[in-house]
Amino acid sequence: MESTMQLAQRNQRTNFSMIRQDNAPKRISINPIEEKISSVISAKSRLEGNLSFSDGLKIDGVIAGNVTFGTEDGLCILSKGARVEGSLVGPRAFILGEVEGDIEVQGTLVLAPSAVVVGKIRCGKFVVYDGASISGSIETIQSPTKQQLEQDAHDDARGVIKLKTGTR
């Protein structure tokens, strides 16, 4: 029996060729100390439930639940063969494995050729390598400016409540 991910990949595969395969790096080197990766989910692990990590995270196994990670610049690396069955939310992410759920990344989201995503994607910047499979919608979001953050902090201190209106 095919999983939802396999079915979506077979029936609704969408290939993006924003970056040509021959321009894709053969190897990507990530320094776990510089990237503040303090947690690793091993390849033979399966965790169930909603998880929150304060720093960067490397997932080699399976997480069945929503994952929140990082503070300002944390990075989540979802290794090839790894899987998240739920949402993935944080500052930056590099996806080589499978996500069956929504992804929201305030900074850069990178989908490697082996990446499979079934769900909505919201991110600040988007890099997709040829071969990545996406079944769902993609929306880019803007990070608030320093001036907006300062104004929000000032408004919060004064007790100002802002209502957001508009149509989708």
N, C-alpha and C. Protein backbone atom coordinates (compact mmCIF):
# COMPACT_ATOMS: atom_id res chain seq x y z
N MET A 1 0.84 -1.18 0.00
CA MET A 1 0.00 0.00 0.00
C MET A 1 0.88 1.25 0.00
N GLU A 2 0.55 2.20 -0.86
CA GLU A 2 1.35 3.42 -0.97
C GLU A 2 1.01 4.38 0.16
N SER A 3 2.03 5.06 0.66
CA SER A 3 1.80 6.10 1.66
C SER A 3 1.26 7.34 0.95
N THR A 4 0.75 8.27 1.73
CA THR A 4 0.25 9.53 1.18
C THR A 4 1.36 10.24 0.41
N MET A 5 2.58 10.19 0.98
CA MET A 5 3.72 10.85 0.37
C MET A 5 4.03 10.22 -0.99
N GLN A 6 4.02 8.89 -1.09
CA GLN A 6 4.32 8.21 -2.35
C GLN A 6 3.24 8.50 -3.39
N LEU A 7 1.98 8.49 -2.96
CA LEU A 7 0.87 8.77 -3.86
C LEU A 7 0.97 10.18 -4.42
N ALA A 8 1.24 11.15 -3.54
CA ALA A 8 1.36 12.54 -3.98
C ALA A 8 2.54 12.70 -4.93
N GLN A 9 3.63 12.01 -4.61
CA GLN A 9 4.81 12.10 -5.45
C GLN A 9 4.53 11.52 -6.83
N ARG A 10 3.82 10.41 -6.89
CA ARG A 10 3.54 9.75 -8.17
C ARG A 10 2.51 10.53 -8.99
N ASN A 11 1.43 11.00 -8.35
CA ASN A 11 0.32 11.61 -9.07
C ASN A 11 0.41 13.11 -9.26
N GLN A 12 1.02 13.81 -8.33
CA GLN A 12 1.00 15.27 -8.39
C GLN A 12 2.40 15.85 -8.31
N ARG A 13 3.35 15.19 -8.87
CA ARG A 13 4.73 15.65 -8.79
C ARG A 13 4.90 16.95 -9.57
N THR A 14 5.47 17.93 -8.91
CA THR A 14 5.76 19.21 -9.52
C THR A 14 7.25 19.44 -9.41
N ASN A 15 7.94 19.49 -10.52
CA ASN A 15 9.37 19.74 -10.51
C ASN A 15 9.63 21.21 -10.76
N PHE A 16 10.44 21.80 -9.92
CA PHE A 16 10.84 23.18 -10.10
C PHE A 16 12.29 23.19 -10.56
N SER A 17 12.59 23.93 -11.59
CA SER A 17 13.95 23.99 -12.11
C SER A 17 14.49 25.40 -12.00
N MET A 18 14.31 26.02 -10.83
CA MET A 18 14.80 27.37 -10.63
C MET A 18 16.33 27.39 -10.67
N ILE A 19 16.94 26.31 -10.20
CA ILE A 19 18.39 26.17 -10.23
C ILE A 19 18.68 24.89 -10.98
N ARG A 20 19.50 24.97 -12.00
CA ARG A 20 19.79 23.78 -12.80
C ARG A 20 20.54 22.75 -11.98
N GLN A 21 20.27 21.49 -12.25
CA GLN A 21 20.89 20.36 -11.56
C GLN A 21 22.41 20.45 -11.59
N ASP A 22 22.99 20.82 -12.76
CA ASP A 22 24.44 20.85 -12.87
C ASP A 22 25.06 22.00 -12.08
N ASN A 23 24.26 22.96 -11.65
CA ASN A 23 24.75 24.04 -10.81
C ASN A 23 24.59 23.73 -9.33
N ALA A 24 23.89 22.66 -9.02
CA ALA A 24 23.68 22.30 -7.62
C ALA A 24 24.99 21.82 -7.02
N PRO A 25 25.27 22.23 -5.79
CA PRO A 25 26.51 21.78 -5.17
C PRO A 25 26.49 20.27 -4.97
N LYS A 26 27.62 19.62 -5.17
CA LYS A 26 27.72 18.17 -4.98
C LYS A 26 27.71 17.83 -3.49
N ARG A 27 28.25 18.72 -2.69
CA ARG A 27 28.33 18.49 -1.26
C ARG A 27 28.11 19.82 -0.54
N ILE A 28 27.35 19.77 0.50
CA ILE A 28 27.11 20.96 1.30
C ILE A 28 27.70 20.72 2.67
N SER A 29 28.53 21.63 3.11
CA SER A 29 29.19 21.50 4.40
C SER A 29 28.52 22.46 5.39
N ILE A 30 28.06 21.91 6.49
CA ILE A 30 27.40 22.72 7.51
C ILE A 30 28.13 22.51 8.83
N ASN A 31 28.56 23.60 9.43
CA ASN A 31 29.25 23.54 10.72
C ASN A 31 28.19 23.58 11.82
N PRO A 32 28.01 22.47 12.57
CA PRO A 32 26.95 22.42 13.58
C PRO A 32 27.14 23.44 14.70
N ILE A 33 28.38 23.83 14.99
CA ILE A 33 28.62 24.82 16.05
C ILE A 33 28.19 26.20 15.57
N GLU A 34 28.63 26.58 14.37
CA GLU A 34 28.24 27.88 13.81
C GLU A 34 26.73 27.98 13.64
N GLU A 35 26.11 26.90 13.24
CA GLU A 35 24.67 26.89 12.99
C GLU A 35 23.84 26.63 14.24
N LYS A 36 24.51 26.48 15.38
CA LYS A 36 23.84 26.27 16.68
C LYS A 36 22.93 25.04 16.65
N ILE A 37 23.40 23.98 16.00
CA ILE A 37 22.65 22.73 15.97
C ILE A 37 23.00 21.96 17.24
N SER A 38 22.09 21.98 18.19
CA SER A 38 22.37 21.35 19.48
C SER A 38 21.57 20.07 19.69
N SER A 39 20.66 19.75 18.79
CA SER A 39 19.85 18.54 18.93
C SER A 39 19.89 17.74 17.64
N VAL A 40 20.02 16.41 17.80
CA VAL A 40 20.02 15.51 16.66
C VAL A 40 19.06 14.36 16.95
N ILE A 41 18.13 14.13 16.04
CA ILE A 41 17.22 12.98 16.12
C ILE A 41 17.84 11.91 15.24
N SER A 42 18.28 10.81 15.84
CA SER A 42 19.03 9.79 15.10
C SER A 42 18.16 9.06 14.08
N ALA A 43 18.82 8.42 13.13
CA ALA A 43 18.15 7.75 12.01
C ALA A 43 17.20 6.65 12.45
N LYS A 44 17.48 5.99 13.56
CA LYS A 44 16.63 4.89 14.00
C LYS A 44 15.56 5.34 15.00
N SER A 45 15.45 6.65 15.21
CA SER A 45 14.47 7.18 16.17
C SER A 45 13.16 7.52 15.49
N ARG A 46 12.07 7.34 16.25
CA ARG A 46 10.75 7.81 15.85
C ARG A 46 10.15 8.48 17.07
N LEU A 47 9.93 9.78 16.98
CA LEU A 47 9.35 10.54 18.08
C LEU A 47 7.93 10.93 17.71
N GLU A 48 7.03 10.84 18.69
CA GLU A 48 5.64 11.21 18.46
C GLU A 48 5.24 12.32 19.41
N GLY A 49 4.56 13.31 18.88
CA GLY A 49 4.11 14.44 19.67
C GLY A 49 4.70 15.73 19.14
N ASN A 50 4.21 16.84 19.65
CA ASN A 50 4.70 18.15 19.23
C ASN A 50 5.99 18.46 19.97
N LEU A 51 7.01 18.90 19.22
CA LEU A 51 8.33 19.13 19.78
C LEU A 51 8.77 20.57 19.53
N SER A 52 9.51 21.12 20.50
CA SER A 52 10.02 22.47 20.38
C SER A 52 11.50 22.47 20.77
N PHE A 53 12.33 23.09 19.93
CA PHE A 53 13.76 23.16 20.16
C PHE A 53 14.18 24.62 20.15
N SER A 54 15.04 25.02 21.11
CA SER A 54 15.43 26.43 21.18
C SER A 54 16.53 26.79 20.19
N ASP A 55 17.34 25.82 19.81
CA ASP A 55 18.42 26.08 18.85
C ASP A 55 18.17 25.33 17.56
N GLY A 56 19.23 25.14 16.80
CA GLY A 56 19.15 24.39 15.55
C GLY A 56 18.92 22.91 15.81
N LEU A 57 18.55 22.21 14.75
CA LEU A 57 18.12 20.82 14.88
C LEU A 57 18.47 20.05 13.62
N LYS A 58 18.94 18.81 13.79
CA LYS A 58 19.18 17.92 12.66
C LYS A 58 18.32 16.69 12.87
N ILE A 59 17.48 16.39 11.88
CA ILE A 59 16.57 15.25 11.97
C ILE A 59 17.04 14.19 10.97
N ASP A 60 17.42 13.04 11.50
CA ASP A 60 17.79 11.91 10.66
C ASP A 60 16.72 10.83 10.70
N GLY A 61 15.82 10.89 11.69
CA GLY A 61 14.79 9.88 11.88
C GLY A 61 13.42 10.38 11.47
N VAL A 62 12.39 9.95 12.23
CA VAL A 62 11.00 10.30 11.92
C VAL A 62 10.40 11.02 13.12
N ILE A 63 9.70 12.12 12.84
CA ILE A 63 8.94 12.82 13.87
C ILE A 63 7.49 12.87 13.41
N ALA A 64 6.60 12.29 14.23
CA ALA A 64 5.16 12.33 13.96
C ALA A 64 4.58 13.38 14.89
N GLY A 65 4.53 14.61 14.41
CA GLY A 65 4.04 15.73 15.21
C GLY A 65 4.61 17.02 14.67
N ASN A 66 4.20 18.12 15.25
CA ASN A 66 4.66 19.44 14.81
C ASN A 66 6.01 19.76 15.43
N VAL A 67 6.88 20.39 14.65
CA VAL A 67 8.23 20.72 15.11
C VAL A 67 8.43 22.23 15.01
N THR A 68 8.82 22.84 16.13
CA THR A 68 9.17 24.25 16.19
C THR A 68 10.63 24.31 16.61
N PHE A 69 11.43 25.13 15.94
CA PHE A 69 12.86 25.15 16.24
C PHE A 69 13.44 26.55 16.12
N GLY A 70 14.57 26.75 16.80
CA GLY A 70 15.37 27.95 16.65
C GLY A 70 14.77 29.20 17.24
N THR A 71 15.65 30.17 17.44
CA THR A 71 15.23 31.48 17.90
C THR A 71 15.29 32.42 16.71
N GLU A 72 16.34 33.24 16.60
CA GLU A 72 16.43 34.18 15.48
C GLU A 72 16.95 33.56 14.19
N ASP A 73 18.01 32.77 14.32
CA ASP A 73 18.67 32.29 13.10
C ASP A 73 18.90 30.78 13.12
N GLY A 74 18.13 30.05 13.89
CA GLY A 74 18.29 28.60 13.98
C GLY A 74 18.05 27.91 12.65
N LEU A 75 18.67 26.76 12.48
CA LEU A 75 18.57 26.00 11.24
C LEU A 75 18.07 24.60 11.54
N CYS A 76 17.15 24.11 10.72
CA CYS A 76 16.71 22.72 10.80
C CYS A 76 17.18 22.03 9.53
N ILE A 77 17.87 20.91 9.72
CA ILE A 77 18.30 20.09 8.59
C ILE A 77 17.51 18.79 8.66
N LEU A 78 16.73 18.53 7.64
CA LEU A 78 15.98 17.27 7.53
C LEU A 78 16.73 16.41 6.52
N SER A 79 17.43 15.41 7.02
CA SER A 79 18.32 14.58 6.20
C SER A 79 17.55 13.73 5.20
N LYS A 80 18.26 13.28 4.18
CA LYS A 80 17.69 12.36 3.20
C LYS A 80 17.29 11.09 3.94
N GLY A 81 16.06 10.62 3.72
CA GLY A 81 15.55 9.44 4.40
C GLY A 81 14.81 9.77 5.69
N ALA A 82 14.93 11.01 6.16
CA ALA A 82 14.21 11.45 7.37
C ALA A 82 12.82 11.94 6.97
N ARG A 83 11.94 12.05 7.98
CA ARG A 83 10.55 12.40 7.68
C ARG A 83 9.92 13.16 8.85
N VAL A 84 9.14 14.18 8.52
CA VAL A 84 8.32 14.89 9.51
C VAL A 84 6.88 14.75 9.07
N GLU A 85 6.05 14.22 9.96
CA GLU A 85 4.61 14.07 9.70
C GLU A 85 3.90 15.10 10.55
N GLY A 86 3.94 16.34 10.11
CA GLY A 86 3.37 17.46 10.85
C GLY A 86 4.01 18.74 10.34
N SER A 87 3.73 19.85 11.00
CA SER A 87 4.26 21.13 10.55
C SER A 87 5.71 21.31 11.00
N LEU A 88 6.41 22.17 10.27
CA LEU A 88 7.80 22.50 10.56
C LEU A 88 7.88 24.02 10.57
N VAL A 89 8.23 24.62 11.73
CA VAL A 89 8.21 26.07 11.87
C VAL A 89 9.52 26.54 12.50
N GLY A 90 10.16 27.52 11.88
CA GLY A 90 11.39 28.08 12.43
C GLY A 90 12.02 29.09 11.49
N PRO A 91 13.24 29.54 11.83
CA PRO A 91 13.90 30.58 11.04
C PRO A 91 14.41 30.15 9.67
N ARG A 92 15.12 29.00 9.60
CA ARG A 92 15.71 28.54 8.33
C ARG A 92 15.65 27.02 8.29
N ALA A 93 15.52 26.47 7.07
CA ALA A 93 15.47 25.01 6.95
C ALA A 93 16.11 24.54 5.65
N PHE A 94 16.75 23.39 5.74
CA PHE A 94 17.34 22.73 4.59
C PHE A 94 16.73 21.34 4.54
N ILE A 95 15.91 21.06 3.53
CA ILE A 95 15.14 19.82 3.46
C ILE A 95 15.72 18.89 2.39
N LEU A 96 16.15 17.71 2.84
CA LEU A 96 16.60 16.66 1.93
C LEU A 96 15.64 15.47 2.01
N GLY A 97 14.83 15.41 3.07
CA GLY A 97 13.92 14.30 3.29
C GLY A 97 12.49 14.66 2.94
N GLU A 98 11.53 14.11 3.72
CA GLU A 98 10.10 14.26 3.43
C GLU A 98 9.38 15.02 4.54
N VAL A 99 8.50 15.91 4.14
CA VAL A 99 7.62 16.61 5.08
C VAL A 99 6.19 16.43 4.59
N GLU A 100 5.36 15.86 5.45
CA GLU A 100 3.94 15.75 5.16
C GLU A 100 3.23 16.67 6.14
N GLY A 101 3.13 17.93 5.75
CA GLY A 101 2.56 18.96 6.61
C GLY A 101 3.04 20.31 6.12
N ASP A 102 2.61 21.35 6.78
CA ASP A 102 2.95 22.71 6.37
C ASP A 102 4.34 23.09 6.87
N ILE A 103 5.02 23.92 6.08
CA ILE A 103 6.33 24.45 6.45
C ILE A 103 6.22 25.96 6.51
N GLU A 104 6.68 26.56 7.61
CA GLU A 104 6.75 28.02 7.72
C GLU A 104 8.14 28.39 8.21
N VAL A 105 8.89 29.03 7.32
CA VAL A 105 10.26 29.42 7.61
C VAL A 105 10.37 30.92 7.34
N GLN A 106 10.77 31.68 8.36
CA GLN A 106 10.84 33.13 8.21
C GLN A 106 11.98 33.55 7.28
N GLY A 107 13.06 32.79 7.27
CA GLY A 107 14.22 33.09 6.43
C GLY A 107 14.21 32.25 5.17
N THR A 108 15.33 31.56 4.93
CA THR A 108 15.52 30.79 3.70
C THR A 108 15.13 29.33 3.88
N LEU A 109 14.37 28.83 2.93
CA LEU A 109 14.02 27.41 2.85
C LEU A 109 14.70 26.85 1.61
N VAL A 110 15.47 25.77 1.80
CA VAL A 110 16.16 25.12 0.68
C VAL A 110 15.59 23.72 0.53
N LEU A 111 15.14 23.39 -0.68
CA LEU A 111 14.66 22.04 -0.98
C LEU A 111 15.67 21.39 -1.92
N ALA A 112 16.32 20.35 -1.42
CA ALA A 112 17.32 19.61 -2.19
C ALA A 112 16.63 18.71 -3.21
N PRO A 113 17.38 18.13 -4.15
CA PRO A 113 16.76 17.27 -5.17
C PRO A 113 15.97 16.10 -4.58
N SER A 114 16.34 15.63 -3.41
CA SER A 114 15.67 14.48 -2.79
C SER A 114 14.47 14.88 -1.94
N ALA A 115 14.20 16.17 -1.80
CA ALA A 115 13.12 16.65 -0.93
C ALA A 115 11.74 16.33 -1.50
N VAL A 116 10.82 15.95 -0.60
CA VAL A 116 9.42 15.73 -0.95
C VAL A 116 8.58 16.47 0.09
N VAL A 117 7.73 17.39 -0.37
CA VAL A 117 6.88 18.15 0.54
C VAL A 117 5.44 18.03 0.08
N VAL A 118 4.56 17.64 1.01
CA VAL A 118 3.12 17.61 0.77
C VAL A 118 2.51 18.54 1.80
N GLY A 119 2.14 19.75 1.39
CA GLY A 119 1.58 20.72 2.31
C GLY A 119 1.89 22.13 1.84
N LYS A 120 1.41 23.11 2.60
CA LYS A 120 1.63 24.52 2.28
C LYS A 120 3.04 24.92 2.69
N ILE A 121 3.65 25.76 1.88
CA ILE A 121 4.97 26.30 2.19
C ILE A 121 4.85 27.81 2.29
N ARG A 122 5.34 28.37 3.40
CA ARG A 122 5.44 29.82 3.58
C ARG A 122 6.87 30.11 4.00
N CYS A 123 7.55 30.97 3.26
CA CYS A 123 8.95 31.25 3.60
C CYS A 123 9.36 32.63 3.11
N GLY A 124 10.45 33.13 3.70
CA GLY A 124 10.98 34.42 3.29
C GLY A 124 11.70 34.33 1.95
N LYS A 125 12.59 33.35 1.83
CA LYS A 125 13.31 33.10 0.58
C LYS A 125 13.20 31.62 0.28
N PHE A 126 13.27 31.29 -1.01
CA PHE A 126 12.98 29.93 -1.45
C PHE A 126 14.01 29.49 -2.47
N VAL A 127 14.70 28.38 -2.19
CA VAL A 127 15.65 27.81 -3.14
C VAL A 127 15.23 26.37 -3.39
N VAL A 128 14.99 26.03 -4.65
CA VAL A 128 14.54 24.69 -5.01
C VAL A 128 15.49 24.11 -6.05
N TYR A 129 15.99 22.92 -5.77
CA TYR A 129 16.86 22.24 -6.72
C TYR A 129 16.03 21.28 -7.57
N ASP A 130 16.43 21.12 -8.81
CA ASP A 130 15.76 20.23 -9.75
C ASP A 130 15.66 18.83 -9.15
N GLY A 131 14.45 18.30 -9.14
CA GLY A 131 14.21 16.97 -8.58
C GLY A 131 13.35 17.03 -7.33
N ALA A 132 13.32 18.18 -6.66
CA ALA A 132 12.48 18.31 -5.47
C ALA A 132 11.01 18.19 -5.88
N SER A 133 10.21 17.57 -5.02
CA SER A 133 8.80 17.34 -5.30
C SER A 133 7.95 18.13 -4.31
N ILE A 134 7.02 18.92 -4.83
CA ILE A 134 6.15 19.74 -3.99
C ILE A 134 4.71 19.50 -4.41
N SER A 135 3.86 19.18 -3.44
CA SER A 135 2.43 19.07 -3.69
C SER A 135 1.74 19.97 -2.68
N GLY A 136 1.39 21.17 -3.12
CA GLY A 136 0.79 22.14 -2.21
C GLY A 136 1.06 23.54 -2.71
N SER A 137 0.74 24.52 -1.90
CA SER A 137 0.92 25.91 -2.30
C SER A 137 2.22 26.47 -1.74
N ILE A 138 2.71 27.52 -2.39
CA ILE A 138 3.94 28.19 -1.97
C ILE A 138 3.64 29.68 -1.85
N GLU A 139 4.04 30.26 -0.73
CA GLU A 139 3.83 31.69 -0.49
C GLU A 139 5.08 32.26 0.14
N THR A 140 5.58 33.36 -0.41
CA THR A 140 6.71 34.02 0.23
C THR A 140 6.18 35.06 1.20
N ILE A 141 6.87 35.18 2.32
CA ILE A 141 6.47 36.13 3.36
C ILE A 141 7.62 37.10 3.59
N GLN A 142 7.29 38.27 4.07
CA GLN A 142 8.31 39.26 4.36
C GLN A 142 8.56 39.28 5.86
N SER A 143 9.84 39.37 6.21
CA SER A 143 10.20 39.52 7.61
C SER A 143 9.95 40.97 8.00
N PRO A 144 9.52 41.20 9.24
CA PRO A 144 9.29 42.58 9.66
C PRO A 144 10.61 43.36 9.68
N THR A 145 10.54 44.64 9.33
CA THR A 145 11.73 45.49 9.37
C THR A 145 12.04 45.85 10.81
N LYS A 146 13.26 46.34 11.03
CA LYS A 146 13.66 46.77 12.37
C LYS A 146 12.72 47.86 12.88
N GLN A 147 12.32 48.78 11.99
CA GLN A 147 11.42 49.86 12.36
C GLN A 147 10.05 49.30 12.79
N GLN A 148 9.55 48.28 12.06
CA GLN A 148 8.27 47.67 12.42
C GLN A 148 8.36 46.99 13.79
N LEU A 149 9.48 46.29 14.04
CA LEU A 149 9.66 45.62 15.34
C LEU A 149 9.72 46.63 16.48
N GLU A 150 10.44 47.75 16.26
CA GLU A 150 10.52 48.79 17.28
C GLU A 150 9.15 49.41 17.54
N GLN A 151 8.39 49.66 16.47
CA GLN A 151 7.05 50.23 16.62
C GLN A 151 6.13 49.27 17.37
N ASP A 152 6.22 47.97 17.03
CA ASP A 152 5.41 46.96 17.73
C ASP A 152 5.75 46.91 19.21
N ALA A 153 7.05 46.98 19.54
CA ALA A 153 7.47 46.96 20.95
C ALA A 153 6.94 48.20 21.67
N HIS A 154 7.00 49.36 20.98
CA HIS A 154 6.49 50.61 21.55
C HIS A 154 4.98 50.51 21.78
N ASP A 155 4.26 49.97 20.79
CA ASP A 155 2.81 49.81 20.92
C ASP A 155 2.46 48.83 22.03
N ASP A 156 3.22 47.73 22.14
CA ASP A 156 2.98 46.75 23.20
C ASP A 156 3.15 47.39 24.57
N ALA A 157 4.18 48.23 24.71
CA ALA A 157 4.44 48.89 25.99
C ALA A 157 3.30 49.84 26.35
N ARG A 158 2.66 50.43 25.35
CA ARG A 158 1.54 51.35 25.59
C ARG A 158 0.20 50.63 25.66
N GLY A 159 0.19 49.33 25.38
CA GLY A 159 -1.06 48.57 25.43
C GLY A 159 -1.91 48.70 24.18
N VAL A 160 -1.30 49.10 23.06
CA VAL A 160 -2.03 49.25 21.81
C VAL A 160 -2.30 47.87 21.21
N ILE A 161 -3.53 47.65 20.79
CA ILE A 161 -3.90 46.39 20.14
C ILE A 161 -4.13 46.67 18.66
N LYS A 162 -3.47 45.88 17.82
CA LYS A 162 -3.61 46.07 16.37
C LYS A 162 -4.48 44.95 15.81
N LEU A 163 -5.41 45.33 14.96
CA LEU A 163 -6.25 44.35 14.28
C LEU A 163 -5.84 44.32 12.82
N LYS A 164 -5.67 43.13 12.31
CA LYS A 164 -5.30 42.96 10.91
C LYS A 164 -6.55 42.65 10.12
N THR A 165 -6.80 43.42 9.06
CA THR A 165 -7.98 43.17 8.23
C THR A 165 -7.54 42.99 6.80
N GLY A 166 -8.39 42.43 6.02
CA GLY A 166 -8.09 42.23 4.61
C GLY A 166 -8.75 40.96 4.12
N THR A 167 -8.65 40.74 2.83
CA THR A 167 -9.24 39.54 2.24
C THR A 167 -8.14 38.64 1.74
N ARG A 168 -8.45 37.38 1.65
CA ARG A 168 -7.47 36.41 1.13
C ARG A 168 -7.89 35.96 -0.22
